[in-house]
C-alpha cells in the first residue's frame, strides 16, 4: 500500500514538473510570463507613440520579444524616426529597441 502512495506522489511531482517545463521559455520561445510581459510592453509602447504629437503612431508597428522591441513601418522624417526610438526606450520594461522604421 505504501508503494502505491509513494508512486502516486512521484507521479504528481513528475506531472507538475512537466507542466512547469511546458511553460518555460527557450531562446526562440517565450514563457507564459514573458508573453504577458511582452504584450504589456507592446501596448505601452504603442500608446506612447500614439500620444506623441510628433509621431505618426498609426504608421509604426510594434512587436516585442523578451523585452526587445522591434519598430517597423514608416516615418515622415529622420527626426520622427529617432523620436519614436527615444520614446520607446523610455517605456518601462523595454530592454532594447530594434529600429526597422523606413523613411521614404
PDB file of N, CA and C in Angstrom:
ATOM      1  N   UNK A   1       0.825  -1.194   0.000  1.00  0.00           N
ATOM      2  CA  UNK A   1       0.000   0.000   0.000  1.00  0.00           C
ATOM      3  C   UNK A   1       0.875   1.265   0.000  1.00  0.00           C
ATOM      4  N   UNK A   2       1.942   1.297   0.785  1.00  0.00           N
ATOM      5  CA  UNK A   2       2.833   2.448   0.827  1.00  0.00           C
ATOM      6  C   UNK A   2       3.510   2.673  -0.513  1.00  0.00           C
ATOM      7  N   UNK A   3       3.788   1.572  -1.191  1.00  0.00           N
ATOM      8  CA  UNK A   3       4.419   1.662  -2.503  1.00  0.00           C
ATOM      9  C   UNK A   3       3.514   2.424  -3.472  1.00  0.00           C
ATOM     10  N   UNK A   4       2.206   2.159  -3.446  1.00  0.00           N
ATOM     11  CA  UNK A   4       1.249   2.821  -4.335  1.00  0.00           C
ATOM     12  C   UNK A   4       1.142   4.306  -3.995  1.00  0.00           C
ATOM     13  N   UNK A   5       1.107   4.637  -2.715  1.00  0.00           N
ATOM     14  CA  UNK A   5       1.042   6.035  -2.289  1.00  0.00           C
ATOM     15  C   UNK A   5       2.299   6.778  -2.740  1.00  0.00           C
ATOM     16  N   UNK A   6       3.483   6.150  -2.543  1.00  0.00           N
ATOM     17  CA  UNK A   6       4.732   6.768  -2.978  1.00  0.00           C
ATOM     18  C   UNK A   6       4.758   6.940  -4.490  1.00  0.00           C
ATOM     19  N   UNK A   7       4.254   5.964  -5.210  1.00  0.00           N
ATOM     20  CA  UNK A   7       4.210   6.033  -6.662  1.00  0.00           C
ATOM     21  C   UNK A   7       3.313   7.179  -7.116  1.00  0.00           C
ATOM     22  N   UNK A   8       2.187   7.357  -6.444  1.00  0.00           N
ATOM     23  CA  UNK A   8       1.273   8.457  -6.773  1.00  0.00           C
ATOM     24  C   UNK A   8       1.959   9.806  -6.522  1.00  0.00           C
ATOM     25  N   UNK A   9       2.673   9.924  -5.441  1.00  0.00           N
ATOM     26  CA  UNK A   9       3.386  11.173  -5.132  1.00  0.00           C
ATOM     27  C   UNK A   9       4.422  11.472  -6.210  1.00  0.00           C
ATOM     28  N   UNK A  10       5.137  10.447  -6.603  1.00  0.00           N
ATOM     29  CA  UNK A  10       6.161  10.617  -7.636  1.00  0.00           C
ATOM     30  C   UNK A  10       5.506  11.047  -8.955  1.00  0.00           C
ATOM     31  N   UNK A  11       4.382  10.423  -9.279  1.00  0.00           N
ATOM     32  CA  UNK A  11       3.670  10.770 -10.499  1.00  0.00           C
ATOM     33  C   UNK A  11       3.172  12.209 -10.470  1.00  0.00           C
ATOM     34  N   UNK A  12       2.644  12.649  -9.331  1.00  0.00           N
ATOM     35  CA  UNK A  12       2.159  14.021  -9.199  1.00  0.00           C
ATOM     36  C   UNK A  12       3.307  15.008  -9.370  1.00  0.00           C
ATOM     37  N   UNK A  13       4.428  14.722  -8.744  1.00  0.00           N
ATOM     38  CA  UNK A  13       5.600  15.596  -8.863  1.00  0.00           C
ATOM     39  C   UNK A  13       6.105  15.615 -10.308  1.00  0.00           C
ATOM     40  N   UNK A  14       6.141  14.468 -10.949  1.00  0.00           N
ATOM     41  CA  UNK A  14       6.609  14.387 -12.332  1.00  0.00           C
ATOM     42  C   UNK A  14       5.683  15.171 -13.265  1.00  0.00           C
ATOM     43  N   UNK A  15       4.383  15.035 -13.083  1.00  0.00           N
ATOM     44  CA  UNK A  15       3.432  15.773 -13.918  1.00  0.00           C
ATOM     45  C   UNK A  15       3.541  17.272 -13.686  1.00  0.00           C
ATOM     46  N   UNK A  16       3.726  17.675 -12.440  1.00  0.00           N
ATOM     47  CA  UNK A  16       3.898  19.098 -12.133  1.00  0.00           C
ATOM     48  C   UNK A  16       5.160  19.631 -12.795  1.00  0.00           C
ATOM     49  N   UNK A  17       6.223  18.857 -12.767  1.00  0.00           N
ATOM     50  CA  UNK A  17       7.475  19.275 -13.400  1.00  0.00           C
ATOM     51  C   UNK A  17       7.301  19.416 -14.912  1.00  0.00           C
ATOM     52  N   UNK A  18       6.580  18.496 -15.524  1.00  0.00           N
ATOM     53  CA  UNK A  18       6.315  18.578 -16.959  1.00  0.00           C
ATOM     54  C   UNK A  18       5.479  19.809 -17.293  1.00  0.00           C
ATOM     55  N   UNK A  19       4.500  20.105 -16.453  1.00  0.00           N
ATOM     56  CA  UNK A  19       3.646  21.265 -16.670  1.00  0.00           C
ATOM     57  C   UNK A  19       4.464  22.547 -16.595  1.00  0.00           C
ATOM     58  N   UNK A  20       5.296  22.659 -15.582  1.00  0.00           N
ATOM     59  CA  UNK A  20       6.129  23.849 -15.423  1.00  0.00           C
ATOM     60  C   UNK A  20       7.118  23.960 -16.575  1.00  0.00           C
ATOM     61  N   UNK A  21       7.714  22.863 -16.975  1.00  0.00           N
ATOM     62  CA  UNK A  21       8.661  22.878 -18.089  1.00  0.00           C
ATOM     63  C   UNK A  21       7.967  23.282 -19.381  1.00  0.00           C
ATOM     64  N   UNK A  22       6.703  22.910 -19.539  1.00  0.00           N
ATOM     65  CA  UNK A  22       5.942  23.276 -20.724  1.00  0.00           C
ATOM     66  C   UNK A  22       5.688  24.765 -20.814  1.00  0.00           C
ATOM     67  N   UNK A  23       5.742  25.473 -19.693  1.00  0.00           N
ATOM     68  CA  UNK A  23       5.525  26.914 -19.663  1.00  0.00           C
ATOM     69  C   UNK A  23       6.832  27.690 -19.689  1.00  0.00           C
ATOM     70  N   UNK A  24       7.952  26.991 -19.658  1.00  0.00           N
ATOM     71  CA  UNK A  24       9.252  27.661 -19.627  1.00  0.00           C
ATOM     72  C   UNK A  24       9.609  28.182 -21.009  1.00  0.00           C
ATOM     73  N   UNK A  25      10.354  29.268 -21.015  1.00  0.00           N
ATOM     74  CA  UNK A  25      10.785  29.841 -22.277  1.00  0.00           C
ATOM     75  C   UNK A  25      12.096  29.235 -22.747  1.00  0.00           C
ATOM     76  N   UNK A  26      12.358  29.411 -24.018  1.00  0.00           N
ATOM     77  CA  UNK A  26      13.629  28.995 -24.605  1.00  0.00           C
ATOM     78  C   UNK A  26      14.179  30.200 -25.370  1.00  0.00           C
ATOM     79  N   UNK A  27      15.273  30.003 -26.074  1.00  0.00           N
ATOM     80  CA  UNK A  27      15.858  31.103 -26.838  1.00  0.00           C
ATOM     81  C   UNK A  27      14.929  31.590 -27.946  1.00  0.00           C
ATOM     82  N   UNK A  28      14.074  30.702 -28.456  1.00  0.00           N
ATOM     83  CA  UNK A  28      13.189  31.062 -29.560  1.00  0.00           C
ATOM     84  C   UNK A  28      11.718  31.101 -29.174  1.00  0.00           C
ATOM     85  N   UNK A  29      11.404  30.813 -27.910  1.00  0.00           N
ATOM     86  CA  UNK A  29      10.011  30.788 -27.460  1.00  0.00           C
ATOM     87  C   UNK A  29       9.890  31.443 -26.104  1.00  0.00           C
ATOM     88  N   UNK A  30       8.863  32.265 -25.935  1.00  0.00           N
ATOM     89  CA  UNK A  30       8.638  32.936 -24.669  1.00  0.00           C
ATOM     90  C   UNK A  30       7.930  32.018 -23.687  1.00  0.00           C
ATOM     91  N   UNK A  31       8.211  32.227 -22.420  1.00  0.00           N
ATOM     92  CA  UNK A  31       7.421  31.559 -21.389  1.00  0.00           C
ATOM     93  C   UNK A  31       6.081  32.286 -21.305  1.00  0.00           C
ATOM     94  N   UNK A  32       5.146  31.731 -20.580  1.00  0.00           N
ATOM     95  CA  UNK A  32       3.835  32.363 -20.427  1.00  0.00           C
ATOM     96  C   UNK A  32       3.979  33.739 -19.796  1.00  0.00           C
ATOM     97  N   UNK A  33       4.800  33.845 -18.774  1.00  0.00           N
ATOM     98  CA  UNK A  33       5.019  35.124 -18.104  1.00  0.00           C
ATOM     99  C   UNK A  33       5.668  36.147 -19.021  1.00  0.00           C
ATOM    100  N   UNK A  34       6.644  35.714 -19.812  1.00  0.00           N
ATOM    101  CA  UNK A  34       7.302  36.618 -20.754  1.00  0.00           C
ATOM    102  C   UNK A  34       6.312  37.103 -21.817  1.00  0.00           C
ATOM    103  N   UNK A  35       5.446  36.216 -22.261  1.00  0.00           N
ATOM    104  CA  UNK A  35       4.443  36.591 -23.259  1.00  0.00           C
ATOM    105  C   UNK A  35       3.541  37.691 -22.715  1.00  0.00           C
ATOM    106  N   UNK A  36       3.085  37.531 -21.471  1.00  0.00           N
ATOM    107  CA  UNK A  36       2.227  38.544 -20.840  1.00  0.00           C
ATOM    108  C   UNK A  36       2.997  39.856 -20.687  1.00  0.00           C
ATOM    109  N   UNK A  37       4.250  39.777 -20.225  1.00  0.00           N
ATOM    110  CA  UNK A  37       5.074  40.976 -20.072  1.00  0.00           C
ATOM    111  C   UNK A  37       5.272  41.674 -21.415  1.00  0.00           C
ATOM    112  N   UNK A  38       5.578  40.916 -22.455  1.00  0.00           N
ATOM    113  CA  UNK A  38       5.812  41.489 -23.772  1.00  0.00           C
ATOM    114  C   UNK A  38       4.554  42.129 -24.349  1.00  0.00           C
ATOM    115  N   UNK A  39       3.412  41.519 -24.110  1.00  0.00           N
ATOM    116  CA  UNK A  39       2.150  42.094 -24.570  1.00  0.00           C
ATOM    117  C   UNK A  39       1.899  43.430 -23.890  1.00  0.00           C
ATOM    118  N   UNK A  40       2.204  43.502 -22.600  1.00  0.00           N
ATOM    119  CA  UNK A  40       2.055  44.750 -21.849  1.00  0.00           C
ATOM    120  C   UNK A  40       2.998  45.817 -22.393  1.00  0.00           C
ATOM    121  N   UNK A  41       4.254  45.445 -22.644  1.00  0.00           N
ATOM    122  CA  UNK A  41       5.231  46.392 -23.187  1.00  0.00           C
ATOM    123  C   UNK A  41       4.773  46.902 -24.550  1.00  0.00           C
ATOM    124  N   UNK A  42       4.338  45.997 -25.418  1.00  0.00           N
ATOM    125  CA  UNK A  42       3.866  46.386 -26.751  1.00  0.00           C
ATOM    126  C   UNK A  42       2.737  47.401 -26.646  1.00  0.00           C
ATOM    127  N   UNK A  43       1.787  47.149 -25.766  1.00  0.00           N
ATOM    128  CA  UNK A  43       0.642  48.045 -25.585  1.00  0.00           C
ATOM    129  C   UNK A  43       1.095  49.410 -25.087  1.00  0.00           C
ATOM    130  N   UNK A  44       2.015  49.433 -24.120  1.00  0.00           N
ATOM    131  CA  UNK A  44       2.504  50.701 -23.584  1.00  0.00           C
ATOM    132  C   UNK A  44       3.295  51.493 -24.621  1.00  0.00           C
ATOM    133  N   UNK A  45       4.112  50.805 -25.405  1.00  0.00           N
ATOM    134  CA  UNK A  45       4.889  51.484 -26.451  1.00  0.00           C
ATOM    135  C   UNK A  45       3.948  52.074 -27.499  1.00  0.00           C
ATOM    136  N   UNK A  46       2.998  51.290 -27.949  1.00  0.00           N
ATOM    137  CA  UNK A  46       2.065  51.768 -28.975  1.00  0.00           C
ATOM    138  C   UNK A  46       1.295  52.984 -28.462  1.00  0.00           C
ATOM    139  N   UNK A  47       0.853  52.940 -27.210  1.00  0.00           N
ATOM    140  CA  UNK A  47       0.136  54.073 -26.623  1.00  0.00           C
ATOM    141  C   UNK A  47       1.034  55.302 -26.549  1.00  0.00           C
ATOM    142  N   UNK A  48       2.287  55.111 -26.167  1.00  0.00           N
ATOM    143  CA  UNK A  48       3.226  56.239 -26.079  1.00  0.00           C
ATOM    144  C   UNK A  48       3.458  56.853 -27.456  1.00  0.00           C
ATOM    145  N   UNK A  49       3.576  56.027 -28.480  1.00  0.00           N
ATOM    146  CA  UNK A  49       3.775  56.538 -29.834  1.00  0.00           C
ATOM    147  C   UNK A  49       2.538  57.289 -30.327  1.00  0.00           C
ATOM    148  N   UNK A  50       1.370  56.762 -30.029  1.00  0.00           N
ATOM    149  CA  UNK A  50       0.126  57.413 -30.459  1.00  0.00           C
ATOM    150  C   UNK A  50      -0.113  58.716 -29.715  1.00  0.00           C
ATOM    151  N   UNK A  51       0.355  58.802 -28.484  1.00  0.00           N
ATOM    152  CA  UNK A  51       0.139  60.006 -27.678  1.00  0.00           C
ATOM    153  C   UNK A  51       1.131  61.120 -27.973  1.00  0.00           C
ATOM    154  N   UNK A  52       2.177  60.835 -28.728  1.00  0.00           N
ATOM    155  CA  UNK A  52       3.166  61.855 -29.055  1.00  0.00           C
ATOM    156  C   UNK A  52       2.749  62.562 -30.339  1.00  0.00           C
ATOM    157  N   UNK A  53       2.567  63.880 -30.252  1.00  0.00           N
ATOM    158  CA  UNK A  53       2.076  64.645 -31.409  1.00  0.00           C
ATOM    159  C   UNK A  53       3.068  64.705 -32.565  1.00  0.00           C
ATOM    160  N   UNK A  54       4.351  64.394 -32.301  1.00  0.00           N
ATOM    161  CA  UNK A  54       5.369  64.453 -33.347  1.00  0.00           C
ATOM    162  C   UNK A  54       5.580  63.123 -34.067  1.00  0.00           C
ATOM    163  N   UNK A  55       4.806  62.109 -33.673  1.00  0.00           N
ATOM    164  CA  UNK A  55       4.999  60.765 -34.240  1.00  0.00           C
ATOM    165  C   UNK A  55       3.688  60.283 -34.873  1.00  0.00           C
ATOM    166  N   UNK A  56       3.785  59.738 -36.077  1.00  0.00           N
ATOM    167  CA  UNK A  56       2.625  59.122 -36.740  1.00  0.00           C
ATOM    168  C   UNK A  56       2.488  57.698 -36.206  1.00  0.00           C
ATOM    169  N   UNK A  57       1.951  57.572 -35.013  1.00  0.00           N
ATOM    170  CA  UNK A  57       1.881  56.286 -34.335  1.00  0.00           C
ATOM    171  C   UNK A  57       1.154  55.195 -35.085  1.00  0.00           C
ATOM    172  N   UNK A  58       0.203  55.575 -35.922  1.00  0.00           N
ATOM    173  CA  UNK A  58      -0.559  54.565 -36.668  1.00  0.00           C
ATOM    174  C   UNK A  58       0.283  53.919 -37.770  1.00  0.00           C
ATOM    175  N   UNK A  59       1.356  54.579 -38.176  1.00  0.00           N
ATOM    176  CA  UNK A  59       2.191  54.059 -39.268  1.00  0.00           C
ATOM    177  C   UNK A  59       3.371  53.229 -38.765  1.00  0.00           C
ATOM    178  N   UNK A  60       3.510  53.151 -37.441  1.00  0.00           N
ATOM    179  CA  UNK A  60       4.635  52.414 -36.866  1.00  0.00           C
ATOM    180  C   UNK A  60       4.106  51.164 -36.163  1.00  0.00           C
ATOM    181  N   UNK A  61       4.653  50.026 -36.547  1.00  0.00           N
ATOM    182  CA  UNK A  61       4.276  48.747 -35.936  1.00  0.00           C
ATOM    183  C   UNK A  61       5.216  48.443 -34.779  1.00  0.00           C
ATOM    184  N   UNK A  62       4.674  47.785 -33.760  1.00  0.00           N
ATOM    185  CA  UNK A  62       5.445  47.459 -32.565  1.00  0.00           C
ATOM    186  C   UNK A  62       5.306  45.971 -32.268  1.00  0.00           C
ATOM    187  N   UNK A  63       6.437  45.291 -32.137  1.00  0.00           N
ATOM    188  CA  UNK A  63       6.458  43.885 -31.721  1.00  0.00           C
ATOM    189  C   UNK A  63       7.499  43.743 -30.620  1.00  0.00           C
ATOM    190  N   UNK A  64       7.213  42.882 -29.653  1.00  0.00           N
ATOM    191  CA  UNK A  64       8.127  42.690 -28.532  1.00  0.00           C
ATOM    192  C   UNK A  64       8.396  41.212 -28.322  1.00  0.00           C
ATOM    193  N   UNK A  65       9.667  40.873 -28.113  1.00  0.00           N
ATOM    194  CA  UNK A  65      10.069  39.501 -27.802  1.00  0.00           C
ATOM    195  C   UNK A  65      11.121  39.558 -26.713  1.00  0.00           C
ATOM    196  N   UNK A  66      10.754  39.044 -25.537  1.00  0.00           N
ATOM    197  CA  UNK A  66      11.644  39.005 -24.375  1.00  0.00           C
ATOM    198  C   UNK A  66      12.216  40.378 -24.040  1.00  0.00           C
ATOM    199  N   UNK A  67      11.361  41.396 -24.108  1.00  0.00           N
ATOM    200  CA  UNK A  67      11.755  42.753 -23.740  1.00  0.00           C
ATOM    201  C   UNK A  67      12.422  43.548 -24.840  1.00  0.00           C
ATOM    202  N   UNK A  68      12.724  42.909 -25.966  1.00  0.00           N
ATOM    203  CA  UNK A  68      13.326  43.607 -27.098  1.00  0.00           C
ATOM    204  C   UNK A  68      12.194  44.059 -28.015  1.00  0.00           C
ATOM    205  N   UNK A  69      12.107  45.377 -28.226  1.00  0.00           N
ATOM    206  CA  UNK A  69      11.027  45.936 -29.033  1.00  0.00           C
ATOM    207  C   UNK A  69      11.530  46.197 -30.445  1.00  0.00           C
ATOM    208  N   UNK A  70      10.775  45.709 -31.428  1.00  0.00           N
ATOM    209  CA  UNK A  70      11.090  45.970 -32.834  1.00  0.00           C
ATOM    210  C   UNK A  70      10.070  46.955 -33.371  1.00  0.00           C
ATOM    211  N   UNK A  71      10.587  48.061 -33.891  1.00  0.00           N
ATOM    212  CA  UNK A  71       9.741  49.063 -34.532  1.00  0.00           C
ATOM    213  C   UNK A  71       9.891  48.909 -36.035  1.00  0.00           C
ATOM    214  N   UNK A  72       8.784  48.908 -36.746  1.00  0.00           N
ATOM    215  CA  UNK A  72       8.809  48.836 -38.204  1.00  0.00           C
ATOM    216  C   UNK A  72       7.697  49.734 -38.730  1.00  0.00           C
ATOM    217  N   UNK A  73       7.667  49.882 -40.029  1.00  0.00           N
ATOM    218  CA  UNK A  73       6.666  50.753 -40.630  1.00  0.00           C
ATOM    219  C   UNK A  73       7.343  51.965 -41.225  1.00  0.00           C
ATOM    220  N   UNK A  74       6.623  53.099 -41.212  1.00  0.00           N
ATOM    221  CA  UNK A  74       7.111  54.282 -41.913  1.00  0.00           C
ATOM    222  C   UNK A  74       7.044  55.520 -41.036  1.00  0.00           C
ATOM    223  N   UNK A  75       8.047  56.383 -41.206  1.00  0.00           N
ATOM    224  CA  UNK A  75       8.078  57.688 -40.556  1.00  0.00           C
ATOM    225  C   UNK A  75       8.208  58.742 -41.646  1.00  0.00           C
ATOM    226  N   UNK A  76       7.748  59.946 -41.343  1.00  0.00           N
ATOM    227  CA  UNK A  76       7.807  61.032 -42.327  1.00  0.00           C
ATOM    228  C   UNK A  76       9.188  61.665 -42.432  1.00  0.00           C
ATOM    229  N   UNK A  77      10.017  61.492 -41.382  1.00  0.00           N
ATOM    230  CA  UNK A  77      11.344  62.114 -41.383  1.00  0.00           C
ATOM    231  C   UNK A  77      12.283  61.342 -40.469  1.00  0.00           C
ATOM    232  N   UNK A  78      13.573  61.631 -40.592  1.00  0.00           N
ATOM    233  CA  UNK A  78      14.553  61.015 -39.690  1.00  0.00           C
ATOM    234  C   UNK A  78      14.310  61.453 -38.249  1.00  0.00           C
ATOM    235  N   UNK A  79      13.903  62.703 -38.063  1.00  0.00           N
ATOM    236  CA  UNK A  79      13.621  63.203 -36.713  1.00  0.00           C
ATOM    237  C   UNK A  79      12.481  62.412 -36.067  1.00  0.00           C
ATOM    238  N   UNK A  80      11.442  62.130 -36.837  1.00  0.00           N
ATOM    239  CA  UNK A  80      10.318  61.344 -36.318  1.00  0.00           C
ATOM    240  C   UNK A  80      10.779  59.925 -35.983  1.00  0.00           C
ATOM    241  N   UNK A  81      11.591  59.363 -36.841  1.00  0.00           N
ATOM    242  CA  UNK A  81      12.120  58.012 -36.611  1.00  0.00           C
ATOM    243  C   UNK A  81      12.932  57.977 -35.316  1.00  0.00           C
ATOM    244  N   UNK A  82      13.834  58.938 -35.148  1.00  0.00           N
ATOM    245  CA  UNK A  82      14.665  58.996 -33.933  1.00  0.00           C
ATOM    246  C   UNK A  82      13.809  59.180 -32.682  1.00  0.00           C
ATOM    247  N   UNK A  83      12.805  60.043 -32.778  1.00  0.00           N
ATOM    248  CA  UNK A  83      11.949  60.288 -31.617  1.00  0.00           C
ATOM    249  C   UNK A  83      11.157  59.031 -31.245  1.00  0.00           C
ATOM    250  N   UNK A  84      10.721  58.268 -32.231  1.00  0.00           N
ATOM    251  CA  UNK A  84       9.998  57.024 -31.950  1.00  0.00           C
ATOM    252  C   UNK A  84      10.877  56.067 -31.150  1.00  0.00           C
ATOM    253  N   UNK A  85      12.157  56.012 -31.509  1.00  0.00           N
ATOM    254  CA  UNK A  85      13.096  55.144 -30.775  1.00  0.00           C
ATOM    255  C   UNK A  85      13.299  55.656 -29.360  1.00  0.00           C
ATOM    256  N   UNK A  86      13.463  56.960 -29.201  1.00  0.00           N
ATOM    257  CA  UNK A  86      13.667  57.549 -27.872  1.00  0.00           C
ATOM    258  C   UNK A  86      12.440  57.310 -26.991  1.00  0.00           C
ATOM    259  N   UNK A  87      11.260  57.541 -27.536  1.00  0.00           N
ATOM    260  CA  UNK A  87      10.021  57.325 -26.780  1.00  0.00           C
ATOM    261  C   UNK A  87       9.911  55.858 -26.364  1.00  0.00           C
ATOM    262  N   UNK A  88      10.230  54.959 -27.278  1.00  0.00           N
ATOM    263  CA  UNK A  88      10.159  53.521 -26.986  1.00  0.00           C
ATOM    264  C   UNK A  88      11.116  53.139 -25.871  1.00  0.00           C
ATOM    265  N   UNK A  89      12.348  53.643 -25.916  1.00  0.00           N
ATOM    266  CA  UNK A  89      13.324  53.340 -24.868  1.00  0.00           C
ATOM    267  C   UNK A  89      12.862  53.820 -23.500  1.00  0.00           C
ATOM    268  N   UNK A  90      12.013  54.823 -23.472  1.00  0.00           N
ATOM    269  CA  UNK A  90      11.520  55.376 -22.219  1.00  0.00           C
ATOM    270  C   UNK A  90      10.403  54.571 -21.573  1.00  0.00           C
ATOM    271  N   UNK A  91       9.917  53.558 -22.226  1.00  0.00           N
ATOM    272  CA  UNK A  91       8.825  52.743 -21.685  1.00  0.00           C
ATOM    273  C   UNK A  91       9.398  51.682 -20.751  1.00  0.00           C
ATOM    274  N   UNK A  92       8.792  51.560 -19.585  1.00  0.00           N
ATOM    275  CA  UNK A  92       9.249  50.586 -18.581  1.00  0.00           C
ATOM    276  C   UNK A  92       9.212  49.174 -19.144  1.00  0.00           C
ATOM    277  N   UNK A  93      10.285  48.423 -18.909  1.00  0.00           N
ATOM    278  CA  UNK A  93      10.357  47.035 -19.337  1.00  0.00           C
ATOM    279  C   UNK A  93      11.088  46.827 -20.653  1.00  0.00           C
ATOM    280  N   UNK A  94      11.301  47.896 -21.403  1.00  0.00           N
ATOM    281  CA  UNK A  94      11.999  47.784 -22.697  1.00  0.00           C
ATOM    282  C   UNK A  94      13.486  47.577 -22.423  1.00  0.00           C
ATOM    283  N   UNK A  95      14.017  46.458 -22.912  1.00  0.00           N
ATOM    284  CA  UNK A  95      15.440  46.155 -22.736  1.00  0.00           C
ATOM    285  C   UNK A  95      16.275  46.786 -23.838  1.00  0.00           C
ATOM    286  N   UNK A  96      15.784  46.718 -25.060  1.00  0.00           N
ATOM    287  CA  UNK A  96      16.455  47.345 -26.193  1.00  0.00           C
ATOM    288  C   UNK A  96      15.450  47.559 -27.307  1.00  0.00           C
ATOM    289  N   UNK A  97      15.865  48.348 -28.311  1.00  0.00           N
ATOM    290  CA  UNK A  97      14.994  48.667 -29.419  1.00  0.00           C
ATOM    291  C   UNK A  97      15.691  48.323 -30.729  1.00  0.00           C
ATOM    292  N   UNK A  98      14.985  47.618 -31.589  1.00  0.00           N
ATOM    293  CA  UNK A  98      15.479  47.314 -32.939  1.00  0.00           C
ATOM    294  C   UNK A  98      14.690  48.219 -33.879  1.00  0.00           C
ATOM    295  N   UNK A  99      15.382  49.133 -34.516  1.00  0.00           N
ATOM    296  CA  UNK A  99      14.739  50.140 -35.363  1.00  0.00           C
ATOM    297  C   UNK A  99      14.744  49.694 -36.818  1.00  0.00           C
ATOM    298  N   UNK A 100      13.575  49.314 -37.309  1.00  0.00           N
ATOM    299  CA  UNK A 100      13.401  48.952 -38.712  1.00  0.00           C
ATOM    300  C   UNK A 100      12.426  49.904 -39.403  1.00  0.00           C
ATOM    301  N   UNK A 101      12.312  51.127 -38.874  1.00  0.00           N
ATOM    302  CA  UNK A 101      11.410  52.117 -39.454  1.00  0.00           C
ATOM    303  C   UNK A 101      12.034  52.656 -40.743  1.00  0.00           C
ATOM    304  N   UNK A 102      11.210  52.797 -41.758  1.00  0.00           N
ATOM    305  CA  UNK A 102      11.661  53.294 -43.056  1.00  0.00           C
ATOM    306  C   UNK A 102      11.223  54.749 -43.213  1.00  0.00           C
ATOM    307  N   UNK A 103      12.147  55.566 -43.687  1.00  0.00           N
ATOM    308  CA  UNK A 103      11.821  56.945 -44.052  1.00  0.00           C
ATOM    309  C   UNK A 103      11.874  57.014 -45.574  1.00  0.00           C
ATOM    310  N   UNK A 104      10.716  57.163 -46.218  1.00  0.00           N
ATOM    311  CA  UNK A 104      10.695  57.159 -47.696  1.00  0.00           C
ATOM    312  C   UNK A 104      11.431  58.349 -48.285  1.00  0.00           C
TER     313      UNK A 104
END
